[in-house]
């Protein structure tokens, strides 16, 4: 229903309808049915536009981490430069660059997802003191070595195992956060490379354009595939945070 309303209320379609009504009432009555038919056909064609029927993209997460926000800003700046370089292309090159632009937009969306997961990890790292865990483990080691009672010793050792697991979890998440930052930097570098490749494609002949353009699309597809795999690993890592 929303798509039908949007198609019916498009400015050009409304202009056709208004012209049909005006012409039918003031010039010749046969203008009215012809104009209405043209309006209905135009509305039907507009309704088939995938931009109208496609669901709206999901809202992007709000990135509040200063470090991750900076990385996202740089990625978005690089992607805008890519779109600006591709905007004047015509003919077969326009279609090729259109596909590449869509891939770079997908990379920006994936970057937001990674950054959002990164700030979840970052908050955990900030609110949990690794040094405090190390001190607690040192104290437990001393207590275990000084304890004779078997039951008390067992309880202390179980506590020590739990702290060891927590410490390892902290270290793993810290490593994942560093990987997220590296991945975001890699996305930005890849977009900069894409910008240079687009400029080169604009001066290439048809054969070189097809070959180089295919290589660019494959590189971007491989990067996104790697990001999706990494995202699944992160989903498991941050469960329960």
Protein backbone atom coordinates (compact mmCIF):
# COMPACT_ATOMS: atom_id res chain seq x y z
CA UNK A 1 0.00 0.00 0.00
CA UNK A 2 2.84 2.41 0.80
CA UNK A 3 4.50 1.62 -2.54
CA UNK A 4 1.21 2.24 -4.40
CA UNK A 5 0.74 5.57 -2.64
CA UNK A 6 4.31 6.62 -3.44
CA UNK A 7 3.87 5.66 -7.10
CA UNK A 8 0.52 7.43 -7.39
CA UNK A 9 1.83 10.62 -5.78
CA UNK A 10 4.99 10.99 -7.82
CA UNK A 11 5.16 14.59 -9.13
CA UNK A 12 5.26 13.62 -12.80
CA UNK A 13 2.29 11.29 -12.42
CA UNK A 14 0.30 13.95 -10.57
CA UNK A 15 1.12 16.43 -13.32
CA UNK A 16 -0.29 14.01 -15.94
CA UNK A 17 -3.46 13.57 -13.89
CA UNK A 18 -3.89 17.32 -13.40
CA UNK A 19 -3.34 17.94 -17.11
CA UNK A 20 -5.95 15.30 -17.96
CA UNK A 21 -8.53 16.87 -15.67
CA UNK A 22 -7.79 20.40 -16.85
CA UNK A 23 -7.80 19.40 -20.52
CA UNK A 24 -10.95 17.35 -20.17
CA UNK A 25 -12.85 20.19 -18.49
CA UNK A 26 -11.56 23.14 -20.52
CA UNK A 27 -10.38 21.86 -23.92
CA UNK A 28 -11.91 18.54 -24.97
CA UNK A 29 -13.67 15.91 -22.93
CA UNK A 30 -11.69 13.10 -24.58
CA UNK A 31 -8.54 14.41 -22.89
CA UNK A 32 -9.86 13.17 -19.56
CA UNK A 33 -10.08 9.41 -20.23
CA UNK A 34 -6.84 9.41 -22.24
CA UNK A 35 -5.05 11.31 -19.52
CA UNK A 36 -6.38 9.01 -16.82
CA UNK A 37 -5.17 5.97 -18.77
CA UNK A 38 -1.72 7.56 -19.15
CA UNK A 39 -1.72 8.33 -15.41
CA UNK A 40 -2.62 4.75 -14.51
CA UNK A 41 0.06 3.33 -16.82
CA UNK A 42 2.68 5.71 -15.40
CA UNK A 43 1.66 4.75 -11.86
CA UNK A 44 1.91 1.04 -12.72
CA UNK A 45 5.39 1.51 -14.21
CA UNK A 46 6.48 3.48 -11.16
CA UNK A 47 5.11 0.75 -8.92
CA UNK A 48 7.50 -1.73 -10.55
CA UNK A 49 10.46 0.44 -9.61
CA UNK A 50 12.58 -1.69 -7.19
CA UNK A 51 13.43 1.44 -5.23
CA UNK A 52 9.75 1.70 -4.27
CA UNK A 53 9.11 -1.97 -3.58
CA UNK A 54 12.37 -2.75 -1.79
CA UNK A 55 12.16 -2.66 2.02
CA UNK A 56 13.95 0.29 3.61
CA UNK A 57 17.47 -0.46 4.81
CA UNK A 58 17.77 -1.13 8.53
CA UNK A 59 18.92 1.85 10.59
CA UNK A 60 22.61 1.93 11.27
CA UNK A 61 23.78 1.57 14.86
CA UNK A 62 24.95 4.64 16.71
CA UNK A 63 28.71 4.46 17.20
CA UNK A 64 29.69 6.32 20.37
CA UNK A 65 33.24 5.01 20.84
CA UNK A 66 35.62 7.85 19.86
CA UNK A 67 38.17 5.50 18.29
CA UNK A 68 35.59 3.52 16.33
CA UNK A 69 33.64 6.65 15.36
CA UNK A 70 36.84 8.10 13.88
CA UNK A 71 37.40 4.92 11.87
CA UNK A 72 33.80 4.96 10.57
CA UNK A 73 34.05 8.63 9.61
CA UNK A 74 37.17 7.91 7.58
CA UNK A 75 35.51 4.94 5.85
CA UNK A 76 32.48 7.05 4.94
CA UNK A 77 34.72 9.82 3.61
CA UNK A 78 36.61 7.34 1.42
CA UNK A 79 33.36 5.84 0.14
CA UNK A 80 32.04 9.29 -0.80
CA UNK A 81 35.22 9.90 -2.77
CA UNK A 82 34.65 6.63 -4.63
CA UNK A 83 31.08 7.64 -5.51
CA UNK A 84 32.22 11.08 -6.61
CA UNK A 85 34.83 9.58 -8.92
CA UNK A 86 32.28 7.21 -10.45
CA UNK A 87 29.45 9.70 -10.81
CA UNK A 88 30.32 10.98 -14.31
CA UNK A 89 30.74 7.56 -15.95
CA UNK A 90 28.60 6.68 -18.98
CA UNK A 91 27.88 3.66 -21.15
CA UNK A 92 29.16 0.21 -20.14
CA UNK A 93 31.48 1.76 -17.59
CA UNK A 94 28.51 3.27 -15.76
CA UNK A 95 26.99 -0.17 -15.23
CA UNK A 96 30.29 -1.62 -14.05
CA UNK A 97 30.95 1.24 -11.65
CA UNK A 98 27.36 1.04 -10.42
CA UNK A 99 28.00 -2.51 -9.25
CA UNK A 100 31.24 -1.44 -7.59
CA UNK A 101 29.49 1.45 -5.83
CA UNK A 102 26.87 -0.93 -4.45
CA UNK A 103 29.65 -3.14 -3.12
CA UNK A 104 31.34 -0.20 -1.39
CA UNK A 105 28.03 0.77 0.22
CA UNK A 106 27.66 -2.77 1.51
CA UNK A 107 31.17 -2.52 2.97
CA UNK A 108 30.20 0.66 4.83
CA UNK A 109 27.14 -1.12 6.24
CA UNK A 110 29.32 -4.05 7.35
CA UNK A 111 31.78 -1.60 8.90
CA UNK A 112 28.98 -0.20 11.05
CA UNK A 113 28.08 -3.70 12.22
CA UNK A 114 31.69 -4.42 13.14
CA UNK A 115 32.08 -1.09 14.91
CA UNK A 116 28.90 -1.71 16.90
CA UNK A 117 30.20 -5.06 18.10
CA UNK A 118 33.54 -3.43 18.80
CA UNK A 119 32.02 -0.87 21.12
CA UNK A 120 30.24 -3.65 23.04
CA UNK A 121 33.63 -5.30 23.57
CA UNK A 122 35.24 -1.97 24.40
CA UNK A 123 32.68 -1.28 27.14
CA UNK A 124 33.38 -4.71 28.66
CA UNK A 125 37.12 -4.10 28.63
CA UNK A 126 36.69 -0.69 30.26
CA UNK A 127 34.46 -1.98 33.04
CA UNK A 128 36.59 -5.05 33.85
CA UNK A 129 40.05 -4.53 35.31
CA UNK A 130 42.57 -7.02 33.96
CA UNK A 131 45.16 -5.95 36.51
CA UNK A 132 42.71 -6.63 39.34
CA UNK A 133 42.19 -10.17 38.01
CA UNK A 134 45.92 -10.74 37.98
CA UNK A 135 46.21 -9.55 41.58
CA UNK A 136 43.37 -11.83 42.67
CA UNK A 137 45.05 -14.81 41.02
CA UNK A 138 48.34 -14.03 42.75
CA UNK A 139 46.56 -13.84 46.09
CA UNK A 140 44.73 -17.12 45.44
CA UNK A 141 47.98 -18.87 44.55
CA UNK A 142 49.39 -17.79 47.91
CA UNK A 143 46.25 -18.94 49.76
CA UNK A 144 46.25 -22.34 48.02
CA UNK A 145 49.88 -22.93 48.86
CA UNK A 146 49.23 -22.04 52.50
CA UNK A 147 46.01 -24.10 52.90
CA UNK A 148 46.09 -27.57 54.45
CA UNK A 149 42.36 -28.32 54.67
CA UNK A 150 41.38 -30.35 51.51
CA UNK A 151 37.88 -28.91 51.21
CA UNK A 152 39.04 -25.31 51.52
CA UNK A 153 41.85 -25.98 49.07
CA UNK A 154 39.38 -27.42 46.54
CA UNK A 155 37.14 -24.36 46.81
CA UNK A 156 40.08 -22.03 46.31
CA UNK A 157 41.27 -24.00 43.27
CA UNK A 158 37.81 -23.85 41.69
CA UNK A 159 37.76 -20.12 42.28
CA UNK A 160 41.20 -19.91 40.69
CA UNK A 161 39.98 -21.79 37.60
CA UNK A 162 37.05 -19.41 37.24
CA UNK A 163 39.33 -16.39 37.46
CA UNK A 164 41.71 -17.96 34.95
CA UNK A 165 38.82 -18.45 32.54
CA UNK A 166 37.71 -14.84 33.07
CA UNK A 167 41.25 -13.63 32.48
CA UNK A 168 41.50 -15.63 29.25
CA UNK A 169 38.13 -14.28 28.14
CA UNK A 170 39.37 -10.74 28.74
CA UNK A 171 42.51 -11.39 26.71
CA UNK A 172 40.52 -12.93 23.85
CA UNK A 173 38.13 -9.98 23.71
CA UNK A 174 41.01 -7.54 23.79
CA UNK A 175 42.48 -9.34 20.80
CA UNK A 176 39.13 -9.25 18.98
CA UNK A 177 38.87 -5.51 19.58
CA UNK A 178 42.30 -5.00 18.04
CA UNK A 179 41.22 -7.13 15.07
CA UNK A 180 38.10 -5.01 14.61
CA UNK A 181 40.20 -1.87 14.48
CA UNK A 182 42.54 -3.53 11.99
CA UNK A 183 39.58 -4.67 9.86
CA UNK A 184 38.11 -1.17 9.78
CA UNK A 185 41.48 0.22 8.72
CA UNK A 186 41.62 -2.45 6.01
CA UNK A 187 38.18 -1.41 4.71
CA UNK A 188 39.31 2.19 4.47
CA UNK A 189 42.49 1.18 2.65
CA UNK A 190 40.48 -0.98 0.27
CA UNK A 191 38.19 1.95 -0.54
CA UNK A 192 41.21 4.15 -1.25
CA UNK A 193 42.51 1.45 -3.58
CA UNK A 194 39.11 1.26 -5.26
CA UNK A 195 39.21 5.01 -5.86
CA UNK A 196 42.53 4.69 -7.69
CA UNK A 197 41.21 1.73 -9.68
CA UNK A 198 38.10 3.65 -10.76
CA UNK A 199 40.21 6.50 -12.06
CA UNK A 200 42.29 4.00 -14.01
CA UNK A 201 39.16 2.30 -15.39
CA UNK A 202 38.00 5.61 -16.83
CA UNK A 203 41.01 5.67 -19.13
CA UNK A 204 41.09 1.95 -20.01
CA UNK A 205 39.95 0.38 -23.26
CA UNK A 206 36.98 -2.03 -23.33
CA UNK A 207 39.04 -5.20 -22.83
CA UNK A 208 41.13 -3.79 -19.99
CA UNK A 209 38.03 -2.24 -18.43
CA UNK A 210 36.20 -5.58 -18.30
CA UNK A 211 39.21 -7.41 -16.87
CA UNK A 212 40.19 -4.78 -14.31
CA UNK A 213 36.59 -4.09 -13.34
CA UNK A 214 35.98 -7.77 -12.68
CA UNK A 215 39.10 -7.91 -10.51
CA UNK A 216 37.91 -4.94 -8.47
CA UNK A 217 34.49 -6.51 -7.89
CA UNK A 218 36.07 -9.82 -6.88
CA UNK A 219 38.41 -8.12 -4.42
CA UNK A 220 35.54 -6.26 -2.78
CA UNK A 221 33.44 -9.44 -2.69
CA UNK A 222 36.30 -11.35 -1.02
CA UNK A 223 36.71 -8.60 1.56
CA UNK A 224 33.03 -8.65 2.43
CA UNK A 225 33.07 -12.44 2.66
CA UNK A 226 35.98 -12.25 5.12
CA UNK A 227 34.08 -9.68 7.15
CA UNK A 228 31.00 -11.88 7.36
CA UNK A 229 33.08 -14.80 8.65
CA UNK A 230 34.74 -12.55 11.22
CA UNK A 231 31.35 -11.17 12.28
CA UNK A 232 30.09 -14.68 13.04
CA UNK A 233 33.14 -15.28 15.21
CA UNK A 234 32.43 -12.04 17.06
CA UNK A 235 28.80 -13.01 17.60
CA UNK A 236 29.99 -16.08 19.49
CA UNK A 237 32.69 -14.19 21.37
CA UNK A 238 30.46 -11.46 22.76
CA UNK A 239 27.51 -13.67 23.71
CA UNK A 240 26.61 -12.91 27.28
CA UNK A 241 28.45 -9.59 27.56
